[in-house]
PDB file of N, CA and C in Angstrom:
ATOM      1  N   MET A   1      34.542  46.694  54.146  1.00  0.00           N
ATOM      2  CA  MET A   1      33.185  46.593  53.836  1.00  0.00           C
ATOM      3  C   MET A   1      32.128  45.400  54.730  1.00  0.00           C
ATOM      4  N   LYS A   2      30.987  45.415  55.018  1.00  0.00           N
ATOM      5  CA  LYS A   2      30.465  44.375  55.561  1.00  0.00           C
ATOM      6  C   LYS A   2      28.695  44.589  55.232  1.00  0.00           C
ATOM      7  N   ILE A   3      28.439  43.224  55.470  1.00  0.00           N
ATOM      8  CA  ILE A   3      26.725  43.251  55.001  1.00  0.00           C
ATOM      9  C   ILE A   3      26.132  43.109  56.584  1.00  0.00           C
ATOM     10  N   ILE A   4      25.283  44.323  56.505  1.00  0.00           N
ATOM     11  CA  ILE A   4      24.425  44.581  57.854  1.00  0.00           C
ATOM     12  C   ILE A   4      23.121  44.171  57.674  1.00  0.00           C
ATOM     13  N   ARG A   5      22.407  43.636  56.864  1.00  0.00           N
ATOM     14  CA  ARG A   5      21.091  42.741  56.976  1.00  0.00           C
ATOM     15  C   ARG A   5      21.187  42.346  55.619  1.00  0.00           C
ATOM     16  N   MET A   6      20.568  40.645  55.562  1.00  0.00           N
ATOM     17  CA  MET A   6      20.327  39.502  54.726  1.00  0.00           C
ATOM     18  C   MET A   6      18.859  39.471  54.999  1.00  0.00           C
ATOM     19  N   ASN A   7      18.364  39.196  54.175  1.00  0.00           N
ATOM     20  CA  ASN A   7      16.870  39.047  54.127  1.00  0.00           C
ATOM     21  C   ASN A   7      16.504  38.184  53.172  1.00  0.00           C
ATOM     22  N   LYS A   8      16.417  36.554  53.247  1.00  0.00           N
ATOM     23  CA  LYS A   8      16.363  35.823  52.471  1.00  0.00           C
ATOM     24  C   LYS A   8      14.737  35.870  51.867  1.00  0.00           C
ATOM     25  N   VAL A   9      14.130  35.462  50.613  1.00  0.00           N
ATOM     26  CA  VAL A   9      13.142  35.285  49.984  1.00  0.00           C
ATOM     27  C   VAL A   9      13.004  34.111  49.278  1.00  0.00           C
ATOM     28  N   SER A  10      11.767  33.547  49.498  1.00  0.00           N
ATOM     29  CA  SER A  10      11.356  32.458  48.807  1.00  0.00           C
ATOM     30  C   SER A  10      10.590  32.874  47.281  1.00  0.00           C
ATOM     31  N   GLY A  11      10.654  32.292  46.346  1.00  0.00           N
ATOM     32  CA  GLY A  11      10.010  32.058  45.096  1.00  0.00           C
ATOM     33  C   GLY A  11      10.576  33.430  44.087  1.00  0.00           C
ATOM     34  N   GLY A  12      10.725  32.900  42.911  1.00  0.00           N
ATOM     35  CA  GLY A  12      11.119  33.857  41.746  1.00  0.00           C
ATOM     36  C   GLY A  12      12.963  33.838  41.506  1.00  0.00           C
ATOM     37  N   LYS A  13      13.594  34.577  41.142  1.00  0.00           N
ATOM     38  CA  LYS A  13      14.891  34.247  41.026  1.00  0.00           C
ATOM     39  C   LYS A  13      15.563  35.368  41.897  1.00  0.00           C
ATOM     40  N   THR A  14      14.798  36.279  42.606  1.00  0.00           N
ATOM     41  CA  THR A  14      15.538  37.078  43.649  1.00  0.00           C
ATOM     42  C   THR A  14      15.742  36.275  45.115  1.00  0.00           C
ATOM     43  N   LEU A  15      17.113  35.957  45.520  1.00  0.00           N
ATOM     44  CA  LEU A  15      17.168  34.905  46.612  1.00  0.00           C
ATOM     45  C   LEU A  15      17.244  35.915  48.081  1.00  0.00           C
ATOM     46  N   ALA A  16      17.748  36.842  47.707  1.00  0.00           N
ATOM     47  CA  ALA A  16      17.281  37.998  49.254  1.00  0.00           C
ATOM     48  C   ALA A  16      18.039  38.916  48.719  1.00  0.00           C
ATOM     49  N   PHE A  17      17.429  40.153  49.681  1.00  0.00           N
ATOM     50  CA  PHE A  17      17.799  41.545  49.726  1.00  0.00           C
ATOM     51  C   PHE A  17      18.964  41.536  50.823  1.00  0.00           C
ATOM     52  N   PHE A  18      19.706  42.494  50.584  1.00  0.00           N
ATOM     53  CA  PHE A  18      20.853  43.335  51.613  1.00  0.00           C
ATOM     54  C   PHE A  18      21.103  44.097  51.622  1.00  0.00           C
ATOM     55  N   ASP A  19      21.494  44.897  52.663  1.00  0.00           N
ATOM     56  CA  ASP A  19      22.526  45.841  53.072  1.00  0.00           C
ATOM     57  C   ASP A  19      23.792  45.809  53.455  1.00  0.00           C
ATOM     58  N   MET A  20      24.395  47.067  53.075  1.00  0.00           N
ATOM     59  CA  MET A  20      25.912  46.932  53.525  1.00  0.00           C
ATOM     60  C   MET A  20      26.514  48.278  53.669  1.00  0.00           C
ATOM     61  N   GLU A  21      27.646  48.062  54.232  1.00  0.00           N
ATOM     62  CA  GLU A  21      28.237  48.929  54.822  1.00  0.00           C
ATOM     63  C   GLU A  21      29.526  49.656  54.821  1.00  0.00           C
ATOM     64  N   THR A  22      29.845  50.536  54.059  1.00  0.00           N
ATOM     65  CA  THR A  22      31.474  50.651  53.849  1.00  0.00           C
ATOM     66  C   THR A  22      32.464  50.679  54.529  1.00  0.00           C
ATOM     67  N   ASP A  23      33.369  50.523  54.394  1.00  0.00           N
ATOM     68  CA  ASP A  23      34.684  51.001  55.643  1.00  0.00           C
ATOM     69  C   ASP A  23      34.648  52.323  55.978  1.00  0.00           C
ATOM     70  N   ASP A  24      34.206  53.401  55.316  1.00  0.00           N
ATOM     71  CA  ASP A  24      33.881  54.458  55.729  1.00  0.00           C
ATOM     72  C   ASP A  24      32.577  54.799  56.725  1.00  0.00           C
ATOM     73  N   GLY A  25      31.642  53.995  57.086  1.00  0.00           N
ATOM     74  CA  GLY A  25      30.406  53.983  57.415  1.00  0.00           C
ATOM     75  C   GLY A  25      29.338  54.314  56.939  1.00  0.00           C
ATOM     76  N   ILE A  26      29.854  54.356  55.216  1.00  0.00           N
ATOM     77  CA  ILE A  26      28.379  54.595  54.232  1.00  0.00           C
ATOM     78  C   ILE A  26      27.504  53.137  54.332  1.00  0.00           C
ATOM     79  N   ILE A  27      26.102  53.312  54.422  1.00  0.00           N
ATOM     80  CA  ILE A  27      25.284  52.626  54.107  1.00  0.00           C
ATOM     81  C   ILE A  27      24.755  52.747  53.029  1.00  0.00           C
ATOM     82  N   ILE A  28      24.447  51.332  52.556  1.00  0.00           N
ATOM     83  CA  ILE A  28      23.791  51.260  50.884  1.00  0.00           C
ATOM     84  C   ILE A  28      22.874  50.258  50.995  1.00  0.00           C
ATOM     85  N   LYS A  29      21.328  50.533  50.861  1.00  0.00           N
ATOM     86  CA  LYS A  29      20.373  49.559  51.164  1.00  0.00           C
ATOM     87  C   LYS A  29      19.886  49.267  49.811  1.00  0.00           C
ATOM     88  N   GLY A  30      19.183  47.906  49.837  1.00  0.00           N
ATOM     89  CA  GLY A  30      18.713  47.343  48.633  1.00  0.00           C
ATOM     90  C   GLY A  30      19.355  46.428  47.498  1.00  0.00           C
ATOM     91  N   PHE A  31      20.309  45.866  47.825  1.00  0.00           N
ATOM     92  CA  PHE A  31      21.106  45.273  47.043  1.00  0.00           C
ATOM     93  C   PHE A  31      20.162  43.626  47.056  1.00  0.00           C
ATOM     94  N   ARG A  32      20.425  43.233  45.920  1.00  0.00           N
ATOM     95  CA  ARG A  32      19.804  41.870  45.883  1.00  0.00           C
ATOM     96  C   ARG A  32      20.404  40.627  45.344  1.00  0.00           C
ATOM     97  N   ILE A  33      20.488  39.076  45.798  1.00  0.00           N
ATOM     98  CA  ILE A  33      20.948  38.270  45.204  1.00  0.00           C
ATOM     99  C   ILE A  33      20.600  37.817  44.639  1.00  0.00           C
ATOM    100  N   VAL A  34      20.413  37.052  43.283  1.00  0.00           N
ATOM    101  CA  VAL A  34      19.913  36.830  42.259  1.00  0.00           C
ATOM    102  C   VAL A  34      20.611  35.611  41.530  1.00  0.00           C
ATOM    103  N   ASP A  35      19.658  34.299  41.175  1.00  0.00           N
ATOM    104  CA  ASP A  35      20.043  33.309  40.977  1.00  0.00           C
ATOM    105  C   ASP A  35      19.733  33.337  39.287  1.00  0.00           C
ATOM    106  N   GLY A  36      20.883  33.598  38.453  1.00  0.00           N
ATOM    107  CA  GLY A  36      21.030  33.412  37.089  1.00  0.00           C
ATOM    108  C   GLY A  36      21.031  32.278  36.600  1.00  0.00           C
ATOM    109  N   ASN A  37      21.224  32.449  35.162  1.00  0.00           N
ATOM    110  CA  ASN A  37      21.434  31.500  34.012  1.00  0.00           C
ATOM    111  C   ASN A  37      23.033  30.451  34.413  1.00  0.00           C
ATOM    112  N   LYS A  38      23.704  31.540  35.194  1.00  0.00           N
ATOM    113  CA  LYS A  38      25.326  31.138  35.083  1.00  0.00           C
ATOM    114  C   LYS A  38      25.485  30.917  36.913  1.00  0.00           C
ATOM    115  N   GLY A  39      24.670  31.024  37.766  1.00  0.00           N
ATOM    116  CA  GLY A  39      24.917  31.032  39.042  1.00  0.00           C
ATOM    117  C   GLY A  39      24.293  32.250  40.008  1.00  0.00           C
ATOM    118  N   LYS A  40      24.851  32.185  41.297  1.00  0.00           N
ATOM    119  CA  LYS A  40      24.422  33.609  41.913  1.00  0.00           C
ATOM    120  C   LYS A  40      25.277  34.778  41.505  1.00  0.00           C
ATOM    121  N   PHE A  41      24.617  35.965  41.537  1.00  0.00           N
ATOM    122  CA  PHE A  41      25.008  37.495  41.458  1.00  0.00           C
ATOM    123  C   PHE A  41      24.355  38.405  42.245  1.00  0.00           C
ATOM    124  N   ILE A  42      25.062  39.659  42.150  1.00  0.00           N
ATOM    125  CA  ILE A  42      24.306  40.612  43.098  1.00  0.00           C
ATOM    126  C   ILE A  42      23.868  41.424  42.056  1.00  0.00           C
ATOM    127  N   ALA A  43      22.805  41.987  42.419  1.00  0.00           N
ATOM    128  CA  ALA A  43      22.161  43.272  41.311  1.00  0.00           C
ATOM    129  C   ALA A  43      22.432  44.593  42.567  1.00  0.00           C
ATOM    130  N   SER A  44      22.537  45.758  42.320  1.00  0.00           N
ATOM    131  CA  SER A  44      22.731  46.934  42.661  1.00  0.00           C
ATOM    132  C   SER A  44      21.072  47.614  42.711  1.00  0.00           C
ATOM    133  N   PRO A  45      21.048  48.184  43.866  1.00  0.00           N
ATOM    134  CA  PRO A  45      19.814  49.075  43.861  1.00  0.00           C
ATOM    135  C   PRO A  45      19.226  49.660  42.463  1.00  0.00           C
ATOM    136  N   ASP A  46      17.984  49.561  42.182  1.00  0.00           N
ATOM    137  CA  ASP A  46      17.776  50.148  41.053  1.00  0.00           C
ATOM    138  C   ASP A  46      16.189  51.044  41.190  1.00  0.00           C
ATOM    139  N   GLU A  47      15.959  51.858  40.011  1.00  0.00           N
ATOM    140  CA  GLU A  47      14.656  52.201  40.152  1.00  0.00           C
ATOM    141  C   GLU A  47      14.159  52.752  38.549  1.00  0.00           C
ATOM    142  N   LYS A  48      12.596  52.498  38.566  1.00  0.00           N
ATOM    143  CA  LYS A  48      12.053  52.716  37.340  1.00  0.00           C
ATOM    144  C   LYS A  48      12.061  54.120  36.880  1.00  0.00           C
ATOM    145  N   GLY A  49      12.515  54.153  35.590  1.00  0.00           N
ATOM    146  CA  GLY A  49      12.532  55.364  34.882  1.00  0.00           C
ATOM    147  C   GLY A  49      10.997  55.664  34.367  1.00  0.00           C
ATOM    148  N   LYS A  50      11.115  56.991  33.767  1.00  0.00           N
ATOM    149  CA  LYS A  50       9.910  57.912  32.996  1.00  0.00           C
ATOM    150  C   LYS A  50       9.551  56.530  31.663  1.00  0.00           C
ATOM    151  N   ASP A  51      10.629  55.909  31.265  1.00  0.00           N
ATOM    152  CA  ASP A  51      10.439  55.232  29.905  1.00  0.00           C
ATOM    153  C   ASP A  51      10.128  53.857  30.427  1.00  0.00           C
ATOM    154  N   GLY A  52       9.902  53.285  31.719  1.00  0.00           N
ATOM    155  CA  GLY A  52       9.480  52.030  32.016  1.00  0.00           C
ATOM    156  C   GLY A  52      10.591  51.199  32.310  1.00  0.00           C
ATOM    157  N   LYS A  53      11.921  51.457  31.882  1.00  0.00           N
ATOM    158  CA  LYS A  53      13.113  50.617  32.212  1.00  0.00           C
ATOM    159  C   LYS A  53      13.648  50.942  33.491  1.00  0.00           C
ATOM    160  N   TYR A  54      14.632  50.056  34.287  1.00  0.00           N
ATOM    161  CA  TYR A  54      14.977  50.122  35.028  1.00  0.00           C
ATOM    162  C   TYR A  54      16.510  50.429  35.256  1.00  0.00           C
ATOM    163  N   TYR A  55      16.721  51.705  36.056  1.00  0.00           N
ATOM    164  CA  TYR A  55      18.431  52.015  36.237  1.00  0.00           C
ATOM    165  C   TYR A  55      19.211  51.784  37.495  1.00  0.00           C
ATOM    166  N   GLU A  56      20.065  51.209  37.456  1.00  0.00           N
ATOM    167  CA  GLU A  56      20.895  51.141  38.480  1.00  0.00           C
ATOM    168  C   GLU A  56      21.082  52.615  39.400  1.00  0.00           C
ATOM    169  N   THR A  57      21.076  52.661  40.646  1.00  0.00           N
ATOM    170  CA  THR A  57      21.361  54.053  41.588  1.00  0.00           C
ATOM    171  C   THR A  57      22.565  54.037  42.074  1.00  0.00           C
ATOM    172  N   VAL A  58      22.711  52.890  42.179  1.00  0.00           N
ATOM    173  CA  VAL A  58      24.280  52.720  42.891  1.00  0.00           C
ATOM    174  C   VAL A  58      25.190  51.879  41.992  1.00  0.00           C
ATOM    175  N   ILE A  59      26.151  52.610  41.364  1.00  0.00           N
ATOM    176  CA  ILE A  59      27.134  51.783  40.311  1.00  0.00           C
ATOM    177  C   ILE A  59      28.620  51.664  41.427  1.00  0.00           C
ATOM    178  N   LEU A  60      28.978  50.414  41.214  1.00  0.00           N
ATOM    179  CA  LEU A  60      30.022  49.837  41.878  1.00  0.00           C
ATOM    180  C   LEU A  60      31.419  49.941  41.064  1.00  0.00           C
ATOM    181  N   PRO A  61      32.684  49.928  41.250  1.00  0.00           N
ATOM    182  CA  PRO A  61      33.836  49.818  40.433  1.00  0.00           C
ATOM    183  C   PRO A  61      33.454  48.297  40.392  1.00  0.00           C
ATOM    184  N   LYS A  62      34.523  47.675  39.497  1.00  0.00           N
ATOM    185  CA  LYS A  62      33.933  46.109  39.344  1.00  0.00           C
ATOM    186  C   LYS A  62      35.080  45.807  40.199  1.00  0.00           C
ATOM    187  N   GLU A  63      36.018  45.912  40.852  1.00  0.00           N
ATOM    188  CA  GLU A  63      36.726  45.201  41.797  1.00  0.00           C
ATOM    189  C   GLU A  63      36.055  45.260  42.985  1.00  0.00           C
ATOM    190  N   MET A  64      35.674  46.288  43.336  1.00  0.00           N
ATOM    191  CA  MET A  64      34.369  46.576  44.833  1.00  0.00           C
ATOM    192  C   MET A  64      33.227  45.529  44.728  1.00  0.00           C
ATOM    193  N   LYS A  65      32.639  45.397  43.319  1.00  0.00           N
ATOM    194  CA  LYS A  65      31.513  44.854  43.403  1.00  0.00           C
ATOM    195  C   LYS A  65      31.706  42.937  43.067  1.00  0.00           C
ATOM    196  N   GLY A  66      33.084  43.008  42.641  1.00  0.00           N
ATOM    197  CA  GLY A  66      33.509  41.601  43.212  1.00  0.00           C
ATOM    198  C   GLY A  66      33.699  41.106  44.487  1.00  0.00           C
ATOM    199  N   LYS A  67      34.264  41.806  45.459  1.00  0.00           N
ATOM    200  CA  LYS A  67      34.517  41.535  46.559  1.00  0.00           C
ATOM    201  C   LYS A  67      32.860  41.641  47.474  1.00  0.00           C
ATOM    202  N   LEU A  68      32.351  42.133  47.285  1.00  0.00           N
ATOM    203  CA  LEU A  68      30.773  42.847  47.821  1.00  0.00           C
ATOM    204  C   LEU A  68      30.173  41.161  47.140  1.00  0.00           C
ATOM    205  N   GLU A  69      30.360  40.835  45.779  1.00  0.00           N
ATOM    206  CA  GLU A  69      29.663  39.388  45.616  1.00  0.00           C
ATOM    207  C   GLU A  69      30.024  38.494  46.240  1.00  0.00           C
ATOM    208  N   LYS A  70      31.367  38.176  46.409  1.00  0.00           N
ATOM    209  CA  LYS A  70      31.751  36.963  47.377  1.00  0.00           C
ATOM    210  C   LYS A  70      31.322  37.169  48.795  1.00  0.00           C
ATOM    211  N   LEU A  71      31.582  38.212  49.302  1.00  0.00           N
ATOM    212  CA  LEU A  71      31.130  38.262  51.166  1.00  0.00           C
ATOM    213  C   LEU A  71      29.256  38.085  50.896  1.00  0.00           C
ATOM    214  N   ALA A  72      28.593  38.678  50.157  1.00  0.00           N
ATOM    215  CA  ALA A  72      27.409  38.598  49.921  1.00  0.00           C
ATOM    216  C   ALA A  72      26.778  37.135  50.047  1.00  0.00           C
ATOM    217  N   ILE A  73      27.348  36.667  49.026  1.00  0.00           N
ATOM    218  CA  ILE A  73      27.021  34.863  48.739  1.00  0.00           C
ATOM    219  C   ILE A  73      27.512  34.250  49.714  1.00  0.00           C
ATOM    220  N   ALA A  74      28.333  34.537  50.484  1.00  0.00           N
ATOM    221  CA  ALA A  74      29.179  33.755  51.453  1.00  0.00           C
ATOM    222  C   ALA A  74      28.266  33.947  52.701  1.00  0.00           C
ATOM    223  N   GLU A  75      27.794  34.786  52.921  1.00  0.00           N
ATOM    224  CA  GLU A  75      26.723  35.587  54.235  1.00  0.00           C
ATOM    225  C   GLU A  75      25.479  34.891  53.784  1.00  0.00           C
ATOM    226  N   TYR A  76      25.177  34.715  52.549  1.00  0.00           N
ATOM    227  CA  TYR A  76      23.775  33.970  52.164  1.00  0.00           C
ATOM    228  C   TYR A  76      23.843  32.454  52.641  1.00  0.00           C
ATOM    229  N   GLU A  77      24.922  31.877  51.974  1.00  0.00           N
ATOM    230  CA  GLU A  77      25.114  30.590  52.109  1.00  0.00           C
ATOM    231  C   GLU A  77      25.283  29.802  53.531  1.00  0.00           C
ATOM    232  N   LYS A  78      25.457  30.824  54.758  1.00  0.00           N
ATOM    233  CA  LYS A  78      25.498  30.463  56.118  1.00  0.00           C
ATOM    234  C   LYS A  78      24.263  29.808  56.288  1.00  0.00           C
TER     235      LYS A  78
END
């Protein structure tokens, strides 16, 4: 997998938006790097439901999310 777009933003807890491409060529847009209480982490794309809550639209396996998080934070800090 690889990061194909990284847009840094200023202000707020969201540090950047990024898109990723899987090894199979699938592109997933809308991930975020967030500055949380315990450091930086990635948030999956989400959408607002009819009840006003936000729900993830992409759910990654724990191992894959960990790899993507390391890759995205390293790309962000370049």
